Protein backbone atom coordinates (compact mmCIF):
# COMPACT_ATOMS: atom_id res chain seq x y z
CA MET A 1 148.04 87.56 143.91
CA GLN A 2 149.01 84.53 145.17
CA LEU A 3 153.16 83.22 145.04
CA HIS A 4 152.21 80.00 143.48
CA LYS A 5 150.42 82.60 140.76
CA LEU A 6 153.51 84.59 140.95
CA ILE A 7 155.88 81.87 141.20
CA LEU A 8 155.88 79.40 138.61
CA PRO A 9 153.93 79.83 135.89
CA VAL A 10 156.74 82.39 134.69
CA LEU A 11 155.33 84.07 131.59
CA PHE A 12 152.30 84.76 133.73
CA ILE A 13 154.34 87.63 134.63
CA PHE A 14 156.24 89.18 131.67
CA ILE A 15 155.37 91.81 129.63
CA GLY A 16 155.71 93.22 126.44
CA PHE A 17 154.80 89.78 124.61
CA LYS A 18 155.19 88.85 121.05
CA SER A 19 153.53 85.73 119.63
CA PHE A 20 155.31 84.36 116.71
CA GLY A 21 153.11 82.05 115.05
CA GLN A 22 154.56 79.47 112.94
CA VAL A 23 152.65 78.86 109.66
CA ILE A 24 153.61 75.09 109.96
CA THR A 25 154.99 72.52 112.41
CA THR A 26 155.79 68.92 112.43
CA THR A 27 156.13 66.41 115.01
CA PRO A 28 158.69 65.26 115.32
CA ILE A 29 160.05 68.33 115.26
CA LEU A 30 163.16 67.46 113.80
CA PRO A 31 162.79 64.14 111.46
CA THR A 32 164.96 61.90 109.72
CA LYS A 33 163.75 60.95 105.77
CA ASN A 34 162.86 57.45 107.56
CA ASP A 35 160.03 58.81 110.21
CA THR A 36 156.97 59.06 109.46
CA ILE A 37 155.34 62.94 110.57
CA THR A 38 152.49 64.83 111.09
CA LEU A 39 152.54 67.68 109.66
CA ILE A 40 149.95 70.53 110.74
CA TYR A 41 149.04 73.46 108.50
CA TYR A 42 147.63 76.74 109.95
CA ALA A 43 145.74 79.04 107.22
CA ASP A 44 145.38 82.45 109.26
CA LEU A 45 149.17 82.17 110.12
CA GLY A 46 151.44 83.61 107.01
CA ASN A 47 150.62 85.08 104.11
CA GLY A 48 147.42 84.37 105.32
CA ALA A 49 145.60 83.37 101.55
CA LEU A 50 143.45 80.30 102.32
CA LYS A 51 141.74 82.12 105.97
CA GLY A 52 138.05 80.38 105.63
CA THR A 53 138.94 78.42 102.53
CA SER A 54 138.44 74.56 101.97
CA PRO A 55 139.13 72.27 100.87
CA VAL A 56 142.88 73.01 101.32
CA PHE A 57 145.61 70.89 99.43
CA ALA A 58 149.71 70.16 99.75
CA HIS A 59 151.78 70.73 97.19
CA THR A 60 155.38 69.81 98.14
CA GLY A 61 158.82 68.77 97.67
CA THR A 62 161.95 67.97 98.50
CA ILE A 63 165.35 69.98 98.92
CA THR A 64 167.93 66.97 98.38
CA SER A 65 172.34 66.78 98.14
CA LYS A 66 170.94 66.49 94.18
CA SER A 67 169.41 70.20 94.13
CA VAL A 68 171.71 72.47 92.84
CA SER A 69 170.48 75.12 94.92
CA GLY A 70 168.59 76.14 98.33
CA SER A 71 164.93 77.10 96.60
CA ASP A 72 164.96 73.33 93.74
CA TRP A 73 162.15 71.44 94.48
CA ARG A 74 162.87 67.51 93.39
CA HIS A 75 160.33 64.52 94.24
CA LEU A 76 157.38 66.83 93.82
CA VAL A 77 153.97 65.22 94.83
CA GLY A 78 150.53 67.29 93.00
CA THR A 79 149.79 67.94 90.48
CA TRP A 80 148.77 72.19 90.48
CA GLY A 81 145.04 73.19 89.43
CA ILE A 82 143.98 69.06 90.54
CA PRO A 83 141.87 68.38 93.24
CA ASP A 84 144.87 65.13 94.20
CA THR A 85 143.49 63.27 97.29
CA THR A 86 147.15 62.03 97.95
CA VAL A 87 148.19 66.23 98.52
CA LEU A 88 144.54 66.22 100.52
CA MET A 89 144.59 67.99 104.46
CA THR A 90 141.80 66.80 106.87
CA SER A 91 140.32 69.77 107.98
CA VAL A 92 141.13 69.26 111.97
CA SER A 93 139.29 73.41 113.12
CA PRO A 94 138.95 75.92 111.43
CA ASN A 95 141.84 77.32 109.87
CA VAL A 96 143.62 74.51 110.63
CA TYR A 97 144.44 71.49 108.74
CA LYS A 98 146.44 67.77 108.85
CA MET A 99 148.49 65.56 106.86
CA VAL A 100 150.08 62.25 107.17
CA ILE A 101 153.55 62.33 104.94
CA PRO A 102 155.11 58.80 105.70
CA ILE A 103 158.58 60.76 104.18
CA LYS A 104 160.39 58.26 102.82
CA SER A 105 157.61 55.55 100.63
CA PHE A 106 155.99 59.59 99.81
CA TYR A 107 158.22 61.63 98.01
CA GLY A 108 159.94 57.78 96.66
CA ILE A 109 163.86 58.80 97.47
CA GLY A 110 166.33 55.64 97.41
CA ASP A 111 168.67 55.61 100.03
CA GLU A 112 171.66 57.16 98.92
CA GLU A 113 170.54 60.97 98.50
CA GLU A 114 169.54 63.15 101.11
CA VAL A 115 167.08 64.97 102.67
CA ARG A 116 167.70 68.11 103.26
CA LYS A 117 164.54 69.84 103.05
CA LEU A 118 160.34 69.33 103.08
CA ALA A 119 158.95 72.07 100.38
CA PHE A 120 155.55 73.57 100.99
CA VAL A 121 152.89 76.11 99.80
CA PHE A 122 149.74 75.36 100.22
CA ARG A 123 146.13 75.17 97.44
CA ASN A 124 142.53 75.78 97.09
CA ALA A 125 141.62 73.21 95.00
CA ASP A 126 141.78 75.61 91.74
CA GLY A 127 145.36 76.86 92.99
CA SER A 128 144.12 79.97 92.15
CA LEU A 129 144.31 81.39 96.46
CA VAL A 130 148.34 80.38 97.47
CA GLY A 131 149.24 80.60 100.82
CA ARG A 132 152.97 80.91 101.76
CA ASN A 133 154.92 82.70 104.93
CA THR A 134 153.79 85.75 105.52
CA ASP A 135 157.39 87.44 103.11
CA GLY A 136 155.45 85.40 100.33
CA SER A 137 158.64 83.45 100.40
CA ASP A 138 157.80 78.74 100.22
CA LEU A 139 157.99 77.08 103.66
CA TYR A 140 159.96 74.29 104.72
CA VAL A 141 160.24 71.74 107.35
CA PRO A 142 164.69 70.61 107.98
CA LEU A 143 164.93 67.21 108.63
CA ASP A 144 168.00 66.36 110.55
CA TYR A 145 169.89 64.08 107.87
CA GLU A 146 173.09 63.74 109.62
CA LYS A 147 171.08 61.70 111.82
CA SER A 148 169.55 60.45 108.68
CA ARG A 149 172.95 58.68 108.54
CA THR A 150 173.41 56.22 111.43
CA GLU A 151 170.06 54.98 110.87
CA ASN A 152 169.71 51.87 109.16
CA PRO A 153 165.86 51.71 107.27
CA HIS A 154 166.78 47.65 106.98
CA PRO A 155 167.72 46.45 110.20
CA THR A 156 170.78 43.81 110.75
CA ASN A 157 172.58 42.21 113.00
CA THR A 158 175.93 44.39 112.50
CA ASN A 159 176.95 46.93 115.09
CA LEU A 160 175.98 50.86 115.00
CA LYS A 161 177.99 53.41 116.80
CA ASP A 162 176.33 54.67 119.65
CA THR A 163 174.90 58.25 118.92
CA THR A 164 172.38 58.59 121.42
CA GLU A 165 174.93 61.56 123.34
CA SER A 166 174.89 63.40 119.79
CA LEU A 167 170.91 63.55 119.02
CA PRO A 168 168.44 66.17 120.74
CA LEU A 169 166.89 65.57 123.34
CA ARG A 170 163.22 64.40 122.29
CA TYR A 171 160.47 64.61 124.25
CA SER A 172 156.39 63.62 123.64
CA ILE A 173 154.06 65.49 126.00
CA ALA A 174 151.03 63.66 126.48
CA GLY A 175 147.98 65.52 128.37
CA ILE A 176 144.03 65.42 129.36
CA ILE A 177 142.57 69.23 130.10
CA GLN A 178 138.59 70.05 131.85
CA ASN A 179 136.56 72.54 131.80
CA VAL A 180 137.39 73.76 128.52
CA ASP A 181 136.31 73.60 124.66
CA ASP A 182 138.35 71.74 121.40
CA VAL A 183 141.17 74.62 121.21
CA ASN A 184 144.76 74.24 120.31
CA VAL A 185 147.41 73.59 122.58
CA SER A 186 150.31 74.99 122.08
CA LEU A 187 154.39 75.07 123.68
CA ILE A 188 156.43 78.22 124.02
CA ARG A 189 159.48 79.60 125.07
CA PHE A 190 159.94 83.67 125.79
CA SER A 191 162.50 85.06 124.16
CA GLU A 192 164.42 88.68 124.00
CA SER A 193 162.54 89.03 120.75
CA GLY A 194 159.10 88.16 122.58
CA LEU A 195 156.59 85.14 122.90
CA GLU A 196 157.70 82.08 120.26
CA THR A 197 155.96 78.47 119.18
CA VAL A 198 158.12 75.63 119.34
CA ASN A 199 154.96 73.10 118.54
CA LYS A 200 152.14 73.36 118.57
CA SER A 201 148.82 70.39 119.33
CA GLN A 202 145.37 70.15 119.00
CA LEU A 203 142.82 69.43 122.18
CA ILE A 204 140.11 66.78 120.98
CA ASN A 205 137.90 65.60 123.88
CA GLY A 206 139.84 67.28 126.68
CA GLU A 207 143.32 65.17 124.94
CA PHE A 208 146.39 66.23 123.44
CA SER A 209 149.85 64.91 122.30
CA MET A 210 152.75 66.22 121.51
CA ARG A 211 156.18 65.23 120.29
CA GLY A 212 159.36 66.59 119.62
CA SER A 213 162.86 67.74 119.71
CA LEU A 214 165.80 70.41 121.84
CA ALA A 215 168.64 71.14 122.06
CA VAL A 216 168.77 71.27 126.14
CA PRO A 217 166.68 71.09 128.52
CA GLU A 218 164.55 74.80 128.25
CA ASN A 219 161.71 76.30 130.31
CA PHE A 220 158.83 76.74 128.73
CA SER A 221 154.61 77.59 128.98
CA LEU A 222 152.04 75.41 127.81
CA MET A 223 149.30 77.74 125.84
CA ILE A 224 145.49 76.02 125.89
CA GLY A 225 144.62 78.30 123.01
CA ASP A 226 145.31 81.06 120.78
CA ASN A 227 147.25 84.46 122.24
CA ASP A 228 146.09 83.41 125.76
CA ILE A 229 149.32 83.60 127.95
CA LEU A 230 147.32 83.86 131.15
CA SER A 231 146.61 80.30 129.69
CA SER A 232 149.48 78.79 130.66
CA ILE A 233 150.95 75.39 132.17
CA PRO A 234 154.82 76.72 132.67
CA ILE A 235 156.88 73.42 132.34
CA LEU A 236 161.13 73.04 132.76
CA LEU A 237 161.42 70.15 129.94
CA GLY A 238 164.52 67.89 128.77
CA ALA A 239 164.09 64.51 127.28
CA ASP A 240 160.79 63.93 129.25
CA SER A 241 157.94 61.54 128.46
CA VAL A 242 155.58 63.54 130.45
CA SER A 243 151.92 63.53 131.47
CA ILE A 244 149.92 66.15 132.35
CA VAL A 245 146.12 66.41 133.75
CA ALA A 246 144.85 69.69 134.14
CA ASP A 247 141.19 71.91 135.04
CA TYR A 248 141.30 74.83 133.11
CA GLN A 249 138.83 76.67 135.90
CA ASN A 250 142.63 75.55 137.96
CA LEU A 251 145.16 76.04 135.85
CA PRO A 252 148.52 75.67 139.10
CA GLU A 253 147.45 72.57 140.50
CA THR A 254 147.69 71.01 137.54
CA GLU A 255 150.08 67.31 137.70
CA ILE A 256 152.44 67.56 136.20
CA THR A 257 154.52 63.95 135.88
CA GLY A 258 157.01 62.63 133.59
CA ALA A 259 159.04 65.70 133.75
CA PRO A 260 161.37 65.15 136.61
CA LEU A 261 163.78 68.91 135.78
CA ASN A 262 160.27 70.91 136.28
CA GLU A 263 159.61 68.52 139.48
CA GLU A 264 162.30 69.88 141.10
CA ALA A 265 161.89 73.46 140.16
CA LYS A 266 158.33 73.28 142.21
CA LYS A 267 160.11 71.28 145.11
CA TYR A 268 162.76 74.46 145.13
CA PHE A 269 160.15 76.97 144.99
CA LYS A 270 157.89 74.69 147.81
CA ARG A 271 160.90 74.09 150.30
CA ASN A 272 161.76 78.51 150.24
CA TYR A 273 158.68 80.30 148.95
CA PHE A 274 154.97 78.19 150.93
CA ASN A 275 156.17 76.59 153.76
CA GLN A 276 158.41 79.09 156.00
CA PRO A 277 157.19 78.12 159.49
CA PRO A 278 154.87 81.13 160.90
CA GLU A 279 157.45 81.37 163.47
CA HIS A 280 159.82 82.84 160.85
CA ARG A 281 156.86 83.74 158.78
CA ARG A 282 155.75 87.97 159.41
CA ASP A 283 152.98 89.66 157.05
CA ALA A 284 155.87 92.75 156.43
CA GLU A 285 157.64 89.80 154.65
CA VAL A 286 155.39 87.63 152.83
CA GLY A 287 152.57 90.89 152.41
CA GLU A 288 150.63 90.81 149.37
CA LEU A 289 152.64 86.65 148.07
CA THR A 290 149.62 85.18 150.30
CA ILE A 291 145.84 85.63 151.21
CA GLN A 292 146.16 84.85 154.75
CA ALA A 293 148.17 88.26 154.92
CA PRO A 294 146.57 91.65 153.38
CA ASN A 295 147.80 93.43 156.15
CA PHE A 296 151.30 94.76 155.14
CA ASN A 297 154.67 96.61 154.21
CA ASP A 298 152.42 98.47 151.49
CA GLY A 299 151.90 95.03 149.11
CA PHE A 300 155.52 94.87 148.89
CA ILE A 301 157.67 91.48 150.72
CA SER A 302 160.42 93.50 152.79
CA PRO A 303 164.02 93.61 153.36
CA GLU A 304 164.78 89.99 155.27
CA PHE A 305 162.29 87.44 152.91
CA ILE A 306 164.35 88.67 149.55
CA GLN A 307 167.98 88.61 151.41
CA ARG A 308 166.42 85.21 152.68
CA GLU A 309 165.61 83.96 149.36
CA LYS A 310 168.81 85.02 147.81
CA ASN A 311 170.48 83.49 150.23
CA ALA A 312 169.41 79.98 149.91
CA LEU A 313 169.52 80.20 146.05
CA LEU A 314 172.60 81.52 145.89
CA GLN A 315 173.17 77.83 147.96
CA TYR A 316 171.55 76.39 145.97
CA VAL A 317 173.79 77.10 143.00
CA LYS A 318 176.81 76.77 144.65
CA GLU A 319 175.04 72.70 145.40
CA HIS A 320 173.86 72.28 141.71
CA PRO A 321 176.40 74.26 139.02
CA ALA A 322 175.52 71.79 136.02
CA SER A 323 171.95 71.33 136.69
CA PRO A 324 169.50 73.09 134.69
CA VAL A 325 167.11 74.21 137.10
CA SER A 326 169.79 77.14 138.79
CA PRO A 327 169.30 79.18 135.66
CA TYR A 328 165.92 78.51 135.69
CA LEU A 329 165.54 79.65 138.80
CA VAL A 330 167.95 83.19 138.86
CA LEU A 331 165.09 84.27 136.11
CA GLN A 332 162.81 83.53 138.06
CA ALA A 333 163.73 84.81 141.17
CA ARG A 334 164.50 88.18 139.23
CA LEU A 335 160.16 88.27 139.21
CA LEU A 336 160.36 88.76 142.86
CA PHE A 337 163.49 91.09 143.02
CA GLU A 338 166.04 92.84 141.10
CA PHE A 339 169.58 91.12 141.57
CA SER A 340 172.47 93.73 141.41
CA TYR A 341 174.81 93.38 139.05
CA ASP A 342 177.30 92.37 141.23
CA GLU A 343 175.20 90.06 142.77
CA LEU A 344 174.50 88.33 139.44
CA LYS A 345 178.30 88.64 138.75
CA THR A 346 178.66 85.82 141.47
CA LEU A 347 176.14 83.99 140.61
CA ASP A 348 177.58 83.50 136.70
CA ALA A 349 180.82 82.64 138.85
CA TYR A 350 179.23 79.00 139.71
CA TYR A 351 177.82 78.26 136.53
CA ASP A 352 179.25 75.42 135.14
CA SER A 353 180.11 75.79 131.47
CA THR A 354 177.78 72.54 130.40
CA LEU A 355 175.50 75.20 130.73
CA ASN A 356 176.46 77.90 128.04
CA LYS A 357 174.20 77.21 125.77
CA SER A 358 171.31 77.02 128.67
CA PRO A 359 168.49 79.54 127.01
CA ASP A 360 167.97 80.79 131.03
CA LEU A 361 171.24 81.38 131.07
CA ILE A 362 171.79 82.98 128.14
CA ILE A 363 168.92 85.29 128.96
CA ILE A 364 170.24 86.17 132.26
CA ARG A 365 174.03 86.65 130.73
CA ASP A 366 172.42 89.61 128.62
CA ASN A 367 170.25 91.32 131.02
CA MET A 368 173.65 91.52 132.94
CA THR A 369 175.44 92.82 130.02
CA ARG A 370 172.82 95.49 129.85
CA LEU A 371 172.20 95.85 133.30
CA GLU A 372 175.60 97.10 134.56
CA PRO A 373 175.47 100.31 132.82
CA VAL A 374 171.90 101.40 134.39
CA SER A 375 173.24 100.09 137.39
CA VAL A 376 172.80 101.73 140.47
CA ASP A 377 175.50 104.59 141.16
CA LYS A 378 175.47 105.16 137.14
CA GLU A 379 174.79 107.93 134.66
CA TYR A 380 171.53 107.87 133.31
CA THR A 381 170.56 107.43 130.14
CA ASP A 382 167.91 109.55 128.23
CA PHE A 383 165.43 108.67 126.48
CA SER A 384 162.11 110.31 124.33
CA LEU A 385 158.40 108.74 125.12
CA PRO A 386 155.09 110.53 123.71
CA ASP A 387 152.83 112.11 126.80
CA THR A 388 149.21 112.17 126.32
CA SER A 389 149.10 114.43 123.87
CA GLY A 390 151.29 113.15 121.47
CA GLN A 391 154.08 114.94 122.60
CA MET A 392 157.55 113.59 122.20
CA ILE A 393 159.40 113.97 126.41
CA ASN A 394 162.49 113.53 127.16
CA ILE A 395 164.23 112.57 130.21
CA SER A 396 166.37 115.16 130.08
CA ASP A 397 163.40 117.95 129.76
CA TYR A 398 163.80 116.93 134.02
CA ALA A 399 167.28 117.83 134.71
CA GLY A 400 168.01 118.79 138.25
CA LYS A 401 165.54 117.65 139.58
CA CYS A 402 164.92 114.42 141.78
CA ILE A 403 163.62 112.01 138.69
CA LEU A 404 161.86 108.48 139.96
CA ILE A 405 160.52 106.49 136.47
CA GLU A 406 157.12 104.34 137.21
CA PHE A 407 157.13 101.83 134.18
CA TRP A 408 152.95 100.17 134.93
CA ALA A 409 150.41 99.73 132.63
CA SER A 410 146.04 100.37 133.21
CA TRP A 411 146.00 96.45 133.46
CA CYS A 412 148.52 95.36 136.36
CA ALA A 413 146.95 94.98 140.17
CA PRO A 414 150.35 94.93 141.79
CA CYS A 415 151.05 98.59 139.90
CA LEU A 416 147.48 99.77 140.41
CA GLY A 417 147.64 99.03 144.55
CA LYS A 418 151.49 101.29 144.64
CA PHE A 419 149.37 104.83 143.45
CA PRO A 420 147.70 105.71 147.04
CA LYS A 421 150.72 105.72 149.02
CA LEU A 422 152.53 107.31 145.57
CA LYS A 423 151.38 110.15 145.36
CA ASN A 424 150.94 110.71 149.35
CA THR A 425 154.58 110.64 148.93
CA TYR A 426 154.40 112.95 145.18
CA GLN A 427 152.24 115.21 147.43
CA LYS A 428 155.20 115.43 150.11
CA TYR A 429 157.63 116.28 147.77
CA LYS A 430 156.46 117.50 144.44
CA ASP A 431 156.79 121.72 146.00
CA GLU A 432 161.03 120.62 146.69
CA GLY A 433 162.36 119.01 143.23
CA PHE A 434 161.06 115.36 142.79
CA THR A 435 158.30 114.61 139.92
CA ILE A 436 157.52 111.40 138.48
CA ILE A 437 157.58 110.52 135.29
CA GLY A 438 155.33 107.49 134.71
CA VAL A 439 155.50 105.06 131.71
CA SER A 440 153.13 102.91 130.80
CA PHE A 441 153.32 99.94 128.56
CA ASP A 442 149.79 99.81 127.76
CA MET A 443 149.46 98.73 124.07
CA LYS A 444 145.88 100.18 124.12
CA PRO A 445 146.12 103.78 125.07
CA ASP A 446 141.93 104.50 125.47
CA HIS A 447 142.42 101.97 128.02
CA TRP A 448 145.81 104.24 129.83
CA LYS A 449 144.14 107.19 129.50
CA ARG A 450 141.17 105.70 131.48
CA ALA A 451 143.24 104.72 134.14
CA ILE A 452 145.09 107.91 134.86
CA LEU A 453 141.62 109.60 135.22
CA LYS A 454 140.31 107.04 137.88
CA GLU A 455 143.32 106.51 139.63
CA GLN A 456 143.98 110.97 139.41
CA LEU A 457 147.47 110.27 138.36
CA ASP A 458 148.71 114.29 137.79
CA TRP A 459 152.17 113.93 137.02
CA VAL A 460 153.99 113.04 133.26
CA GLN A 461 153.18 110.28 131.96
CA LEU A 462 154.27 108.40 128.81
CA VAL A 463 153.83 105.58 126.94
CA ALA A 464 155.69 102.75 125.45
CA PRO A 465 152.77 100.30 123.58
CA GLU A 466 156.00 97.68 122.17
CA ALA A 467 156.29 97.45 125.88
CA ALA A 468 159.72 94.65 126.54
CA GLU A 469 160.44 95.49 123.21
CA SER A 470 160.36 99.28 123.82
CA GLU A 471 163.65 100.49 123.82
CA ILE A 472 162.96 102.41 127.52
CA ALA A 473 162.37 98.73 128.27
CA LYS A 474 165.43 96.84 126.40
CA ARG A 475 168.02 100.10 127.80
CA TYR A 476 166.38 99.75 131.58
CA VAL A 477 166.31 96.50 131.80
CA VAL A 478 163.19 96.39 132.79
CA TRP A 479 161.95 92.30 133.42
CA SER A 480 158.52 92.49 134.75
CA ILE A 481 155.84 95.50 135.62
CA PRO A 482 155.81 97.69 138.18
CA ALA A 483 159.12 98.53 137.99
CA ASN A 484 161.26 101.84 138.81
CA ILE A 485 164.79 103.68 138.27
CA LEU A 486 164.93 106.32 140.91
CA ILE A 487 167.70 109.37 140.05
CA ALA A 488 169.39 112.02 142.28
CA PRO A 489 169.13 115.93 140.86
CA ASP A 490 173.15 114.87 139.28
CA GLY A 491 171.88 112.79 137.62
CA ILE A 492 172.96 109.45 139.26
CA ILE A 493 170.93 106.14 138.89
CA VAL A 494 170.43 105.92 143.29
CA GLY A 495 167.51 102.62 143.37
CA ARG A 496 166.52 100.64 141.24
CA ASN A 497 162.57 98.98 142.09
CA LEU A 498 162.00 100.56 144.84
CA GLN A 499 159.26 99.10 147.27
CA SER A 500 156.76 102.26 149.17
CA PHE A 501 159.40 102.70 152.11
CA GLU A 502 162.76 102.06 151.05
CA LEU A 503 161.60 104.83 148.03
CA ASN A 504 160.79 107.27 151.19
CA GLU A 505 164.16 106.41 153.03
CA LYS A 506 166.25 107.39 149.94
CA LEU A 507 163.69 110.96 149.68
CA MET A 508 164.21 111.42 153.49
CA GLU A 509 168.14 110.95 152.56
CA ILE A 510 168.16 113.45 149.23
CA PHE A 511 165.36 116.19 150.86
CA GLY A 512 166.38 115.69 154.55
CA PHE A 513 163.01 115.31 155.95
């Protein structure tokens, strides 16, 4: 696995994806009543009532300062059951419909009335089929009505107060993607609850564009196609006008211009991971992270490499305490190697308070809080998962043994690459009180069971199909796989994410040989 594919596209490695497709999206994301928006409706999302239906009509109104409740629609447009061309949507692709709305004139709104939300449901021609949210509720687009107050739709020579600092970060992305059919292009973020779609566009004749706004700079990926996280382009985005040129067959070589934070992150990775001079680079250090050095330390990176990179990262954070790139880099580095709770605390002391709303830093701090009770030298916490027969197994069932919890999945090539050496270790110590408990993040039981047979794994096998959202992944702060936890016979955690030689060293300490 090449290093640039492991580091830069962060979302490639995260497990347990859960897509949260938005039923409607708008450009811009947070409009004012003076804007013209492009609204996209995804008929196969939400309650899916209009999936495969054509034509599709909008039924829409507004929630304003004159509404008596949050569901009191005003300024309704369209007559139910009549195929009114005013609200006829344009078919963009199967189950994707577009509508351009100049908000103020479309709804007939005066200057004195604040618009809080735009309200929508969607229907077929006679209104017998209605598209709504999954729970049957109406769909809403929030408006930036506070900004509307500062906007002057009829410019004069009056001096308006400069509100630039209070405005959201507005971005635009325009791109060309070659060698792929016209598909959806989604701007997605990784959160604790899974993957969220932030913005969406349609690739037409190889080109796409999108606009939106952010509260703070964030780490995103552009996903090409629906639910295809492996076909993604990572990007650290702020108030940027971004240009992207990509080849679908070679996404790691995508050219991104106009995103300075993203460029700084790429320079860091190149400087620290790619450009080590040969005299400072040993096969045992870089291991499988370069295809030029396949024979190395069990397919992993050495402690020397890890410590060098940790030192470089600490220095960067110290020198750039207020840069959004700093927590971003720490988040990415955790996909290569784990920081201890104390190391994260040391890093945390350098972050400037202006980063407190950084989504990356929020994730790091949340995980730091959860890591503390399951760190080395802490007592393990019990859990229960089903084995291949469906029987629930507790880790406490093996109390008194030395236990290795090995997190893996049948689709994870690095996980499978560990098994030959791990089987040797198991055979050496299993009669001495050593056991392995495999915890799979497979979502397809058949694939999981076939992999167990193919790899000839004869230790306990459990499955957590919710993957990163499973209780055990959250409890033990498993960011990516492969991962492991080593528990001594007295129930104390003595290792996390041990490489093969590190595991054997620990077992020699425990068993004396």
